[in-house]
Amino acid sequence: MLRYKKNNLTNSRFGFVISAKVSKKAVDRNKIRRRASEIIRLNIDNIRSGFDIIFVIKKEACGVEYSELENNILNSLKERNLL
């Protein structure tokens, strides 16, 4: 799930919300957060600037491969014309 709002800055800011309902283990939640941050870092040049973007990670993201998570994040950005 993706939420975004225009900001008055020259760059975009990102946040990731991963609740304990996704996984009881903080290790698993942090792994998803690190993977998502890396996906954004690698694609930051292609993402439109001037937005605050929040990703709300759902339970289905627990245990998925990196490539599938990458496809989901990039497709969410493309659907909203942020990529």
Protein backbone atom coordinates (compact mmCIF):
# COMPACT_ATOMS: atom_id res chain seq x y z
CA MET A 1 0.00 0.00 0.00
CA LEU A 2 1.30 3.43 -0.87
CA ARG A 3 0.39 6.90 0.39
CA TYR A 4 1.93 10.08 -0.96
CA LYS A 5 1.60 13.82 -0.68
CA LYS A 6 3.38 16.67 -2.42
CA ASN A 7 5.89 18.57 -0.32
CA ASN A 8 7.62 21.86 -1.04
CA LEU A 9 11.11 20.38 -1.05
CA THR A 10 13.49 19.63 -3.89
CA ASN A 11 13.73 15.96 -2.96
CA SER A 12 11.38 13.15 -2.01
CA ARG A 13 11.23 11.60 1.43
CA PHE A 14 10.31 7.99 2.15
CA GLY A 15 8.91 6.11 5.12
CA PHE A 16 8.05 2.48 5.75
CA VAL A 17 5.34 1.30 8.13
CA ILE A 18 5.62 -2.34 9.14
CA SER A 19 3.42 -3.25 12.09
CA ALA A 20 3.86 -6.17 14.45
CA LYS A 21 0.89 -7.80 12.71
CA VAL A 22 3.17 -8.42 9.71
CA SER A 23 5.53 -10.47 11.84
CA LYS A 24 5.99 -10.84 15.55
CA LYS A 25 9.75 -10.92 15.07
CA ALA A 26 11.51 -7.57 14.81
CA VAL A 27 14.24 -9.29 12.81
CA ASP A 28 11.77 -10.08 10.01
CA ARG A 29 10.25 -6.59 10.05
CA ASN A 30 13.69 -4.97 9.91
CA LYS A 31 14.74 -7.24 7.04
CA ILE A 32 11.74 -6.09 5.00
CA ARG A 33 12.48 -2.45 5.89
CA ARG A 34 16.15 -2.78 4.87
CA ARG A 35 15.21 -4.42 1.57
CA ALA A 36 12.63 -1.75 0.78
CA SER A 37 15.09 1.03 1.63
CA GLU A 38 17.68 -0.51 -0.67
CA ILE A 39 15.17 -0.73 -3.52
CA ILE A 40 14.40 2.97 -3.10
CA ARG A 41 18.10 3.86 -2.85
CA LEU A 42 18.89 2.06 -6.11
CA ASN A 43 15.99 3.72 -7.96
CA ILE A 44 16.03 7.19 -6.37
CA ASP A 45 17.21 8.84 -9.60
CA ASN A 46 14.09 7.61 -11.43
CA ILE A 47 11.59 8.68 -8.75
CA ARG A 48 9.94 12.09 -9.07
CA SER A 49 11.11 14.61 -6.53
CA GLY A 50 8.98 16.76 -4.27
CA PHE A 51 6.87 14.06 -2.61
CA ASP A 52 6.55 12.47 0.82
CA ILE A 53 5.95 8.77 0.19
CA ILE A 54 4.86 6.26 2.82
CA PHE A 55 4.80 2.53 2.14
CA VAL A 56 2.48 0.54 4.39
CA ILE A 57 3.79 -3.01 4.22
CA LYS A 58 1.17 -5.75 4.46
CA LYS A 59 1.46 -9.24 5.94
CA GLU A 60 1.88 -10.78 2.46
CA ALA A 61 5.33 -9.15 2.20
CA CYS A 62 6.72 -11.40 4.90
CA GLY A 63 8.77 -14.16 3.36
CA VAL A 64 8.74 -12.90 -0.25
CA GLU A 65 11.86 -12.82 -2.37
CA TYR A 66 13.76 -9.56 -2.93
CA SER A 67 12.85 -9.45 -6.63
CA GLU A 68 9.12 -9.80 -5.90
CA LEU A 69 9.28 -7.03 -3.28
CA GLU A 70 11.14 -4.86 -5.78
CA ASN A 71 8.48 -5.46 -8.45
CA ASN A 72 5.69 -4.61 -6.00
CA ILE A 73 7.32 -1.35 -4.86
CA LEU A 74 8.23 -0.19 -8.35
CA ASN A 75 4.78 -1.09 -9.73
CA SER A 76 3.14 0.89 -6.92
CA LEU A 77 5.23 3.91 -7.84
CA LYS A 78 4.50 3.52 -11.56
CA GLU A 79 0.73 3.27 -10.97
CA ARG A 80 0.81 6.68 -9.29
CA ASN A 81 3.15 8.25 -11.87
CA LEU A 82 5.91 8.71 -9.31
CA LEU A 83 8.44 6.67 -11.27
